[in-house]
Amino acid sequence: MDRAPSVRRGGTFIMKHLLASLLVPLATMAATPVAPPKAPEVPAQLPPEIQLLQPGVKLTIVAEHPEVVTPTGIDVDEKGNIYSISCHTHFRPEGYAGPEHDEVVVFDANGKNRRVFYNKTDATMHVEVGTDGWIYLAERDRVLRVKDTNGDGVGDLEENLASLDTVADYPHNGLSGMAWHPDGGLIFSLGENFGKDWTLTARDGSKVSGRGEGGVFRCTAEGKQMRRIARGFWNPFGLMVRADGEIFAAENDPGSRPPCRLLNVVEGADYGFQWVYGSAPVHPFVAWNGELRGTLGMVHPSGEGPCAVVELGGGVMIPSWSDHSIDYFPLTRKGAGYSSERIPLVKGSDFFRPTCMAMAPDGAFYFNDWVFSSYPIHGRGRLWKLEIDKAAAPWMKSAPDPLTAEAKLAKELREGQAKVGTERLLELARETDKYLSDAALTALARESWTVDKVRGLPANDRVWVFVAMRRNNMNDEQWPRAFLNDSDPEL
């Protein structure tokens, strides 16, 4: 769905903004109450018309409305229990008879024995199973965790982990995706937030502020030591972290500039988008595919409206809300980065709109289906089980590629393990390998720079140092003065 759920290109993009202008006027988002939208007219028949496009793919419906309605996030615990969010607040139309708040509903592996685990959140975008009985939730403006402390199957203890302070309140361009790092850290994401200023505050008081660009962040499982990993996103709604710590994101909407993006998210990187130059990423100071120095682009275009990215062998699967599809992307090492291709696995009708997806302990995948195109909630939904017979799937890459020499060097540069001098870092910054160049910029940004030291460099090197230093806080006026007065026209 557009930043989950997503939106189509062209005319539908315009329709989305007309809808947004009716529901949440940009200039008065938090101040002016708005009337609820009209209830959508839903056809009586909503056939998904599933086509399986590759061998070894099996799809089974395990639950549907009214047990599952307008579902967003999903995860599966170690016992095979499925946690799914039924959204009753995005957007709630007039006369809607459903629960007042969103529901975290739990099914067994067969889609049976439905129960409500929690029902006190709104604009709930994601659910992630944690350790020690904690269930993590991402609302539009906070990340929290909930626990059942008395064993009755209902969450009764709630803890706030991170809160977003901003005037924007559109349901799905705030906090959204979550994933676990193998070291136990919680990775989560923020959308473009309609370009409004924001401050994200974690439970221990650690803060990050920004404006007009999404981000990927991490904190501990207890909501401590929060920091931003990378910036420059429209909305990295789908997040995945592999066992080797590599992070991948499905960028949920392209504004007016398709396509949506499959991204490899690395420490310190800028993925090019900033709302400060407008909502459509076509400004010359905005990069969508690494066109500008110091930005990274996509591994490959994804389907429209991706809401999840999950690991499968040596690649990833991405469900597409607007393309009514599930696609596979094998990941092939290319220097310090990756290349890929899009392999369609499942295709459905206009009434097949897959959203979030998660893998069960037995290797099967479960995913939610929004079913109908309406943003105002409509009381429909499905829960599917997707099984891949790897022995009968020649299209699937069997395992992740090992590190290349370039990828190993880039990793060591980002982690500060490589002992490389300034001159060599500047050479690497000029590399055509964008990921290796980016890693060199991260290393350059850690060096102790003075105005005189920068002025003593050749003009081309001064440009690269400037690009690297943008990763730090450059509010000290000596730096803008030094660069604005530089004799080099490019600087």
Protein backbone atom coordinates (compact mmCIF):
# COMPACT_ATOMS: atom_id res chain seq x y z
CA MET A 1 0.00 0.00 0.00
CA ASP A 2 1.41 3.51 -0.54
CA ARG A 3 3.80 3.38 2.31
CA ALA A 4 1.54 0.39 3.27
CA PRO A 5 -0.94 0.07 1.80
CA SER A 6 0.53 1.43 -1.41
CA VAL A 7 -0.73 3.31 -4.38
CA ARG A 8 -0.51 3.05 -8.14
CA ARG A 9 1.27 5.40 -10.44
CA GLY A 10 -0.15 8.14 -12.64
CA GLY A 11 -3.83 8.89 -12.09
CA THR A 12 -4.00 6.87 -8.89
CA PHE A 13 -1.08 8.85 -7.51
CA ILE A 14 -3.14 12.00 -8.03
CA MET A 15 -6.17 10.31 -6.47
CA LYS A 16 -4.07 9.40 -3.45
CA HIS A 17 -3.13 13.00 -2.85
CA LEU A 18 -6.71 14.13 -3.35
CA LEU A 19 -7.72 11.61 -0.69
CA ALA A 20 -4.91 12.73 1.58
CA SER A 21 -5.97 16.36 1.14
CA LEU A 22 -9.50 15.46 2.20
CA LEU A 23 -8.49 13.34 5.16
CA VAL A 24 -5.39 15.07 6.51
CA PRO A 25 -4.85 18.59 5.13
CA LEU A 26 -1.10 19.10 5.08
CA ALA A 27 -1.07 22.54 6.68
CA THR A 28 -3.39 21.61 9.57
CA MET A 29 -2.79 17.91 10.10
CA ALA A 30 -2.90 17.88 13.87
CA ALA A 31 -5.06 20.93 14.46
CA THR A 32 -8.27 20.59 12.45
CA PRO A 33 -10.65 17.67 12.98
CA VAL A 34 -11.89 16.11 9.76
CA ALA A 35 -15.05 14.19 9.04
CA PRO A 36 -14.66 10.44 8.58
CA PRO A 37 -14.67 9.22 4.99
CA LYS A 38 -17.68 7.57 3.41
CA ALA A 39 -17.85 3.81 3.79
CA PRO A 40 -16.54 2.14 0.61
CA GLU A 41 -18.84 0.12 -1.62
CA VAL A 42 -17.36 -3.38 -1.62
CA PRO A 43 -18.37 -5.92 -4.30
CA ALA A 44 -20.04 -9.07 -3.05
CA GLN A 45 -17.57 -11.25 -4.97
CA LEU A 46 -13.84 -10.68 -4.49
CA PRO A 47 -12.12 -13.57 -6.34
CA PRO A 48 -8.31 -13.51 -5.94
CA GLU A 49 -7.81 -15.46 -9.22
CA ILE A 50 -4.39 -16.77 -8.21
CA GLN A 51 -1.83 -17.79 -10.83
CA LEU A 52 1.29 -19.70 -9.75
CA LEU A 53 4.02 -18.68 -12.18
CA GLN A 54 6.97 -20.85 -11.12
CA PRO A 55 7.42 -24.54 -10.24
CA GLY A 56 7.65 -25.48 -6.58
CA VAL A 57 5.20 -22.79 -5.39
CA LYS A 58 2.12 -23.72 -3.35
CA LEU A 59 -0.43 -21.23 -1.99
CA THR A 60 -3.22 -21.98 0.51
CA ILE A 61 -5.73 -19.67 2.14
CA VAL A 62 -5.87 -20.39 5.89
CA ALA A 63 -8.23 -17.64 7.17
CA GLU A 64 -10.31 -14.77 5.82
CA HIS A 65 -12.89 -12.15 6.75
CA PRO A 66 -14.45 -11.73 9.24
CA GLU A 67 -11.62 -13.45 11.18
CA VAL A 68 -9.07 -11.33 9.28
CA VAL A 69 -9.92 -7.76 8.24
CA THR A 70 -7.76 -5.03 6.63
CA PRO A 71 -4.55 -6.68 7.88
CA THR A 72 -1.15 -4.98 8.06
CA GLY A 73 1.77 -6.50 10.02
CA ILE A 74 2.40 -10.19 10.59
CA ASP A 75 4.89 -12.44 12.39
CA VAL A 76 5.13 -16.07 13.53
CA ASP A 77 6.47 -17.27 16.88
CA GLU A 78 8.65 -20.32 17.56
CA LYS A 79 5.55 -22.50 18.14
CA GLY A 80 4.06 -21.58 14.78
CA ASN A 81 1.44 -19.17 16.17
CA ILE A 82 0.64 -16.39 13.73
CA TYR A 83 0.36 -12.82 15.01
CA SER A 84 -1.52 -10.54 12.64
CA ILE A 85 -2.75 -6.96 12.90
CA SER A 86 -6.35 -6.26 11.94
CA CYS A 87 -6.44 -2.52 11.36
CA HIS A 88 -9.70 -0.78 12.35
CA THR A 89 -8.36 2.80 12.28
CA HIS A 90 -6.82 3.35 8.81
CA PHE A 91 -9.09 5.13 7.78
CA ARG A 92 -12.22 4.49 9.85
CA PRO A 93 -15.28 5.36 7.72
CA GLU A 94 -18.57 6.68 9.00
CA GLY A 95 -20.81 3.98 10.39
CA TYR A 96 -17.99 1.46 10.82
CA ALA A 97 -19.13 -1.19 13.30
CA GLY A 98 -15.75 -2.72 14.10
CA PRO A 99 -13.65 -2.43 17.28
CA GLU A 100 -12.55 1.01 18.43
CA HIS A 101 -8.83 0.19 18.18
CA ASP A 102 -6.67 -2.13 16.07
CA GLU A 103 -6.44 -5.77 17.09
CA VAL A 104 -3.42 -8.03 17.34
CA VAL A 105 -5.03 -11.38 16.58
CA VAL A 106 -3.37 -14.78 16.99
CA PHE A 107 -4.04 -17.93 14.95
CA ASP A 108 -2.49 -21.36 15.12
CA ALA A 109 -0.48 -22.65 12.13
CA ASN A 110 -3.70 -23.80 10.44
CA GLY A 111 -5.45 -20.45 10.78
CA LYS A 112 -7.68 -21.71 13.61
CA ASN A 113 -8.25 -20.89 17.31
CA ARG A 114 -8.37 -17.15 16.74
CA ARG A 115 -7.91 -14.94 19.80
CA VAL A 116 -7.26 -11.24 20.37
CA PHE A 117 -3.92 -10.65 22.07
CA TYR A 118 -4.10 -6.83 22.27
CA ASN A 119 -6.48 -4.09 21.15
CA LYS A 120 -5.27 -0.71 22.45
CA THR A 121 -3.27 0.72 19.52
CA ASP A 122 -4.17 2.81 16.44
CA ALA A 123 -2.60 3.07 12.97
CA THR A 124 -0.68 -0.11 13.83
CA MET A 125 1.67 -0.98 11.01
CA HIS A 126 3.77 -3.92 12.16
CA VAL A 127 4.15 -6.70 14.70
CA GLU A 128 7.37 -8.48 15.59
CA VAL A 129 7.71 -11.40 18.00
CA GLY A 130 10.45 -10.83 20.56
CA THR A 131 12.04 -12.91 23.29
CA ASP A 132 10.74 -13.63 26.81
CA GLY A 133 7.12 -13.32 25.70
CA TRP A 134 7.34 -9.74 24.42
CA ILE A 135 5.41 -8.77 21.29
CA TYR A 136 6.69 -5.62 19.57
CA LEU A 137 4.35 -3.25 17.75
CA ALA A 138 4.93 -0.24 15.51
CA GLU A 139 2.24 2.40 15.59
CA ARG A 140 2.47 5.45 13.36
CA ASP A 141 4.04 7.50 16.16
CA ARG A 142 5.64 5.00 18.52
CA VAL A 143 7.30 1.62 18.95
CA LEU A 144 6.10 -0.37 21.97
CA ARG A 145 6.17 -3.86 23.35
CA VAL A 146 3.41 -5.85 25.05
CA LYS A 147 3.56 -8.94 27.25
CA ASP A 148 1.09 -11.46 28.69
CA THR A 149 2.24 -11.72 32.31
CA ASN A 150 -0.51 -14.00 33.71
CA GLY A 151 -0.79 -16.60 30.95
CA ASP A 152 -4.36 -15.85 29.85
CA GLY A 153 -3.33 -15.18 26.25
CA VAL A 154 -3.96 -11.43 26.46
CA GLY A 155 -1.25 -8.78 26.63
CA ASP A 156 -1.52 -6.88 29.91
CA LEU A 157 1.87 -5.15 30.27
CA GLU A 158 2.86 -2.37 27.85
CA GLU A 159 6.18 -0.54 27.58
CA ASN A 160 6.95 2.41 25.30
CA LEU A 161 10.30 2.02 23.50
CA ALA A 162 10.40 5.01 21.14
CA SER A 163 8.04 7.94 20.51
CA LEU A 164 7.78 10.18 17.45
CA ASP A 165 7.05 13.84 18.18
CA THR A 166 5.68 15.58 15.07
CA VAL A 167 2.59 17.37 13.76
CA ALA A 168 2.07 14.84 10.95
CA ASP A 169 -0.40 12.04 11.60
CA TYR A 170 -1.03 10.30 8.25
CA PRO A 171 -1.24 6.60 9.20
CA HIS A 172 1.46 5.01 7.08
CA ASN A 173 4.31 7.40 6.50
CA GLY A 174 5.56 7.38 10.08
CA LEU A 175 7.04 4.48 12.02
CA SER A 176 6.42 1.16 10.32
CA GLY A 177 8.81 -1.74 9.63
CA MET A 178 10.72 -3.74 12.24
CA ALA A 179 13.23 -6.58 12.18
CA TRP A 180 15.68 -8.24 14.55
CA HIS A 181 19.43 -7.98 14.11
CA PRO A 182 21.29 -11.22 14.92
CA ASP A 183 23.02 -9.42 17.80
CA GLY A 184 19.63 -8.78 19.45
CA GLY A 185 19.18 -5.17 18.36
CA LEU A 186 15.82 -3.92 17.08
CA ILE A 187 15.90 -2.38 13.60
CA PHE A 188 12.96 -0.14 12.67
CA SER A 189 12.02 2.43 10.05
CA LEU A 190 10.44 5.85 9.56
CA GLY A 191 8.76 7.22 6.43
CA GLU A 192 8.93 10.70 4.93
CA ASN A 193 6.34 12.04 7.42
CA PHE A 194 4.94 14.55 4.88
CA GLY A 195 8.16 16.51 5.22
CA LYS A 196 7.37 17.70 8.75
CA ASP A 197 9.98 18.13 11.47
CA TRP A 198 10.22 15.19 13.83
CA THR A 199 12.06 14.07 16.95
CA LEU A 200 12.32 10.40 17.81
CA THR A 201 12.99 9.74 21.51
CA ALA A 202 13.85 6.33 22.90
CA ARG A 203 13.04 5.01 26.33
CA ASP A 204 16.48 5.92 27.72
CA GLY A 205 16.24 9.51 26.40
CA SER A 206 18.44 9.00 23.34
CA LYS A 207 17.12 11.18 20.49
CA VAL A 208 17.33 11.67 16.73
CA SER A 209 15.71 14.60 14.90
CA GLY A 210 15.10 15.22 11.23
CA ARG A 211 12.86 16.56 8.54
CA GLY A 212 11.58 15.34 5.22
CA GLU A 213 13.47 12.08 4.86
CA GLY A 214 12.79 8.64 6.20
CA GLY A 215 15.33 6.65 8.13
CA VAL A 216 16.36 3.24 9.39
CA PHE A 217 17.21 3.13 13.09
CA ARG A 218 18.29 0.67 15.73
CA CYS A 219 17.99 0.40 19.49
CA THR A 220 18.25 -2.34 22.08
CA ALA A 221 15.30 -4.64 22.73
CA GLU A 222 14.61 -2.49 25.81
CA GLY A 223 14.50 0.77 23.84
CA LYS A 224 17.96 2.08 24.66
CA GLN A 225 20.98 3.45 22.74
CA MET A 226 18.94 4.49 19.72
CA ARG A 227 20.73 5.78 16.63
CA ARG A 228 20.03 6.24 12.96
CA ILE A 229 21.70 3.75 10.62
CA ALA A 230 20.86 5.39 7.29
CA ARG A 231 18.75 8.17 5.76
CA GLY A 232 17.26 9.35 2.48
CA PHE A 233 14.20 7.07 2.19
CA TRP A 234 10.61 7.68 1.10
CA ASN A 235 9.32 4.85 3.31
CA PRO A 236 11.34 1.69 4.00
CA PHE A 237 8.21 -0.12 5.22
CA GLY A 238 9.55 -3.63 4.69
CA LEU A 239 12.73 -4.53 6.61
CA MET A 240 14.79 -7.71 6.77
CA VAL A 241 18.09 -8.56 8.48
CA ARG A 242 19.99 -11.69 7.47
CA ALA A 243 21.99 -13.90 9.82
CA ASP A 244 25.16 -12.14 8.61
CA GLY A 245 23.75 -8.75 9.71
CA GLU A 246 23.07 -7.40 6.21
CA ILE A 247 19.93 -5.24 6.11
CA PHE A 248 17.51 -5.02 3.20
CA ALA A 249 14.48 -2.78 2.78
CA ALA A 250 11.51 -2.59 0.46
CA GLU A 251 10.92 1.11 -0.27
CA ASN A 252 7.14 1.37 -0.27
CA ASP A 253 6.36 4.29 -2.58
CA PRO A 254 8.22 6.20 -5.31
CA GLY A 255 6.24 9.44 -5.20
CA SER A 256 5.68 10.43 -8.82
CA ARG A 257 8.92 8.80 -9.92
CA PRO A 258 8.63 5.02 -10.22
CA PRO A 259 9.85 2.43 -9.52
CA CYS A 260 9.76 1.36 -5.88
CA ARG A 261 13.13 0.17 -4.62
CA LEU A 262 14.74 -2.92 -3.16
CA LEU A 263 17.58 -1.50 -1.07
CA ASN A 264 20.65 -2.88 0.68
CA VAL A 265 20.84 -0.67 3.78
CA VAL A 266 24.36 0.01 5.05
CA GLU A 267 25.72 2.02 7.94
CA GLY A 268 25.95 5.78 7.34
CA ALA A 269 24.49 5.76 3.83
CA ASP A 270 22.16 8.29 2.22
CA TYR A 271 19.58 6.85 -0.21
CA GLY A 272 18.88 10.16 -1.85
CA PHE A 273 15.34 11.29 -1.00
CA GLN A 274 14.50 14.52 0.86
CA TRP A 275 10.97 15.96 1.02
CA VAL A 276 12.44 19.44 1.61
CA TYR A 277 12.75 19.64 -2.20
CA GLY A 278 9.14 18.54 -2.77
CA SER A 279 7.13 15.35 -2.53
CA ALA A 280 7.98 14.16 -6.06
CA PRO A 281 11.58 12.91 -6.14
CA VAL A 282 12.49 14.73 -9.37
CA HIS A 283 14.41 17.72 -7.98
CA PRO A 284 18.09 17.94 -9.07
CA PHE A 285 19.14 17.71 -5.41
CA VAL A 286 17.21 14.44 -4.97
CA ALA A 287 18.57 11.06 -6.08
CA TRP A 288 16.40 7.97 -6.53
CA ASN A 289 19.07 5.60 -7.85
CA GLY A 290 22.38 6.97 -6.64
CA GLU A 291 22.60 9.70 -9.30
CA LEU A 292 24.21 12.17 -6.89
CA ARG A 293 27.64 11.86 -5.34
CA GLY A 294 27.40 10.46 -1.82
CA THR A 295 24.09 8.63 -2.35
CA LEU A 296 23.29 4.97 -2.90
CA GLY A 297 20.62 3.59 -5.22
CA MET A 298 18.57 0.46 -5.47
CA VAL A 299 19.62 -3.16 -5.86
CA HIS A 300 16.71 -3.57 -8.27
CA PRO A 301 13.25 -2.10 -8.87
CA SER A 302 10.57 -3.93 -6.89
CA GLY A 303 6.87 -4.25 -7.53
CA GLU A 304 4.61 -1.29 -6.75
CA GLY A 305 3.55 -0.90 -3.12
CA PRO A 306 5.89 -3.43 -1.46
CA CYS A 307 5.12 -3.91 2.24
CA ALA A 308 7.60 -6.63 3.20
CA VAL A 309 10.88 -8.26 2.27
CA VAL A 310 11.71 -11.79 3.48
CA GLU A 311 14.72 -14.03 2.97
CA LEU A 312 14.51 -17.08 0.74
CA GLY A 313 17.74 -18.94 0.01
CA GLY A 314 20.19 -16.52 -1.56
CA GLY A 315 17.57 -13.92 -2.35
CA VAL A 316 14.43 -12.23 -1.09
CA MET A 317 10.68 -12.34 -1.73
CA ILE A 318 8.67 -9.14 -1.92
CA PRO A 319 4.86 -8.94 -1.98
CA SER A 320 3.41 -6.09 -4.06
CA TRP A 321 0.08 -4.53 -2.99
CA SER A 322 -0.53 -2.60 -6.22
CA ASP A 323 0.81 -5.19 -8.66
CA HIS A 324 -1.17 -8.01 -6.96
CA SER A 325 1.95 -10.15 -6.97
CA ILE A 326 4.75 -11.83 -5.08
CA ASP A 327 8.19 -11.72 -6.70
CA TYR A 328 11.57 -13.28 -6.03
CA PHE A 329 14.86 -11.39 -6.29
CA PRO A 330 18.07 -13.49 -6.26
CA LEU A 331 20.91 -11.44 -4.78
CA THR A 332 24.23 -11.67 -6.62
CA ARG A 333 27.33 -9.99 -5.26
CA LYS A 334 28.59 -7.23 -7.54
CA GLY A 335 31.69 -5.63 -6.09
CA ALA A 336 30.74 -4.34 -2.65
CA GLY A 337 27.02 -4.30 -3.54
CA TYR A 338 24.45 -6.50 -5.24
CA SER A 339 22.65 -6.98 -8.52
CA SER A 340 19.38 -8.83 -9.03
CA GLU A 341 16.48 -9.62 -11.33
CA ARG A 342 12.73 -9.87 -10.76
CA ILE A 343 11.21 -13.37 -10.97
CA PRO A 344 7.39 -13.39 -10.67
CA LEU A 345 6.09 -16.18 -8.43
CA VAL A 346 2.42 -15.39 -7.76
CA LYS A 347 -0.05 -13.17 -9.60
CA GLY A 348 -3.61 -12.37 -8.59
CA SER A 349 -6.59 -10.23 -9.52
CA ASP A 350 -7.40 -6.70 -8.42
CA PHE A 351 -8.74 -8.37 -5.24
CA PHE A 352 -5.39 -9.86 -4.29
CA ARG A 353 -3.35 -7.25 -2.40
CA PRO A 354 -0.60 -8.87 -0.32
CA THR A 355 0.88 -6.80 2.49
CA CYS A 356 3.22 -8.07 5.19
CA MET A 357 4.89 -11.49 5.18
CA ALA A 358 6.80 -13.62 7.70
CA MET A 359 8.52 -17.01 7.78
CA ALA A 360 7.40 -19.76 10.17
CA PRO A 361 9.80 -22.13 11.98
CA ASP A 362 9.02 -24.91 9.48
CA GLY A 363 10.11 -22.73 6.54
CA ALA A 364 6.61 -21.87 5.28
CA PHE A 365 5.64 -18.24 4.78
CA TYR A 366 2.47 -16.54 5.92
CA PHE A 367 1.24 -13.25 4.49
CA ASN A 368 -1.71 -10.92 4.82
CA ASP A 369 -3.98 -9.79 2.00
CA TRP A 370 -5.77 -6.40 2.16
CA VAL A 371 -8.12 -7.73 -0.59
CA PHE A 372 -9.86 -4.51 -1.65
CA SER A 373 -8.29 -1.28 -2.93
CA SER A 374 -10.02 1.12 -0.51
CA TYR A 375 -7.88 2.96 2.05
CA PRO A 376 -10.92 3.57 4.26
CA ILE A 377 -11.27 0.21 5.98
CA HIS A 378 -13.73 -2.19 4.43
CA GLY A 379 -13.98 -5.30 6.58
CA ARG A 380 -12.24 -7.69 4.20
CA GLY A 381 -8.98 -9.59 4.50
CA ARG A 382 -7.23 -12.91 4.03
CA LEU A 383 -4.38 -14.87 5.56
CA TRP A 384 -2.37 -17.04 3.16
CA LYS A 385 0.25 -19.75 3.55
CA LEU A 386 2.99 -19.85 0.91
CA GLU A 387 5.18 -22.96 0.64
CA ILE A 388 8.29 -23.31 -1.51
CA ASP A 389 9.52 -26.77 -2.49
CA LYS A 390 13.18 -25.89 -2.91
CA ALA A 391 13.96 -29.16 -4.69
CA ALA A 392 11.39 -28.26 -7.37
CA ALA A 393 12.33 -24.56 -7.64
CA PRO A 394 15.24 -24.09 -10.10
CA TRP A 395 14.56 -20.34 -10.10
CA MET A 396 15.65 -20.04 -6.46
CA LYS A 397 19.21 -19.13 -5.52
CA SER A 398 20.31 -21.74 -2.97
CA ALA A 399 22.32 -19.59 -0.53
CA PRO A 400 23.76 -16.08 -0.08
CA ASP A 401 26.99 -15.34 -1.92
CA PRO A 402 30.15 -15.07 0.21
CA LEU A 403 31.78 -11.70 0.69
CA THR A 404 33.78 -10.42 -2.25
CA ALA A 405 37.09 -8.68 -1.59
CA GLU A 406 35.36 -5.33 -2.22
CA ALA A 407 32.49 -6.16 0.14
CA LYS A 408 34.92 -7.27 2.84
CA LEU A 409 36.88 -4.01 2.54
CA ALA A 410 33.68 -1.94 2.58
CA LYS A 411 32.50 -3.72 5.73
CA GLU A 412 35.82 -3.13 7.47
CA LEU A 413 35.81 0.55 6.48
CA ARG A 414 32.31 1.10 7.88
CA GLU A 415 33.19 -0.71 11.11
CA GLY A 416 36.48 1.18 11.50
CA GLN A 417 38.55 -2.01 11.31
CA ALA A 418 40.49 -1.22 8.14
CA LYS A 419 43.70 0.77 8.69
CA VAL A 420 43.62 2.98 5.61
CA GLY A 421 45.23 6.40 5.24
CA THR A 422 43.44 9.54 4.10
CA GLU A 423 44.95 9.48 0.62
CA ARG A 424 43.76 5.92 0.04
CA LEU A 425 40.29 6.74 1.40
CA LEU A 426 40.03 9.59 -1.08
CA GLU A 427 40.99 7.21 -3.89
CA LEU A 428 38.31 4.77 -2.76
CA ALA A 429 35.74 7.57 -2.54
CA ARG A 430 36.28 8.15 -6.27
CA GLU A 431 35.64 4.45 -7.02
CA THR A 432 32.96 3.52 -9.54
CA ASP A 433 31.82 0.85 -7.06
CA LYS A 434 29.19 2.94 -5.26
CA TYR A 435 29.13 0.80 -2.10
CA LEU A 436 32.90 0.85 -1.74
CA SER A 437 32.90 4.61 -2.33
CA ASP A 438 30.17 5.02 0.27
CA ALA A 439 32.14 3.01 2.84
CA ALA A 440 35.17 5.23 2.21
CA LEU A 441 33.01 8.33 2.83
CA THR A 442 31.86 6.87 6.15
CA ALA A 443 35.50 6.34 7.12
CA LEU A 444 36.47 9.85 5.96
CA ALA A 445 33.68 11.34 8.07
CA ARG A 446 35.29 9.85 11.20
CA GLU A 447 38.59 11.69 10.65
CA SER A 448 39.46 14.86 12.55
CA TRP A 449 39.13 17.65 10.02
CA THR A 450 40.02 21.32 10.40
CA VAL A 451 39.33 24.12 7.95
CA ASP A 452 43.04 24.51 7.22
CA LYS A 453 43.45 20.77 6.65
CA VAL A 454 40.60 20.72 4.15
CA ARG A 455 41.82 23.85 2.36
CA GLY A 456 45.20 22.20 1.88
CA LEU A 457 43.71 19.44 -0.28
CA PRO A 458 43.35 19.53 -4.08
CA ALA A 459 39.94 20.82 -5.24
CA ASN A 460 38.60 17.39 -6.23
CA ASP A 461 39.53 15.96 -2.83
CA ARG A 462 37.94 18.91 -1.04
CA VAL A 463 34.65 18.05 -2.75
CA TRP A 464 34.80 14.47 -1.50
CA VAL A 465 35.67 15.55 2.03
CA PHE A 466 32.69 17.92 1.97
CA VAL A 467 30.41 15.08 0.82
CA ALA A 468 31.80 12.87 3.61
CA MET A 469 31.40 15.56 6.28
CA ARG A 470 27.71 15.95 5.47
CA ARG A 471 27.30 12.70 7.42
CA ASN A 472 28.25 14.62 10.56
CA ASN A 473 26.74 17.65 12.24
CA MET A 474 27.99 20.66 10.24
CA ASN A 475 26.14 23.34 12.22
CA ASP A 476 29.44 24.98 13.22
CA GLU A 477 29.41 28.08 10.97
CA GLN A 478 33.12 27.81 10.16
CA TRP A 479 32.34 24.92 7.79
CA PRO A 480 29.65 26.52 5.60
CA ARG A 481 31.74 29.69 5.48
CA ALA A 482 34.82 27.73 4.43
CA PHE A 483 33.01 25.81 1.70
CA LEU A 484 30.93 28.74 0.44
CA ASN A 485 34.09 30.79 0.02
CA ASP A 486 35.99 28.02 -1.72
CA SER A 487 37.50 28.98 -5.07
CA ASP A 488 36.42 25.72 -6.74
CA PRO A 489 33.14 26.28 -8.65
CA GLU A 490 31.85 22.75 -7.99
CA LEU A 491 32.25 23.20 -4.25
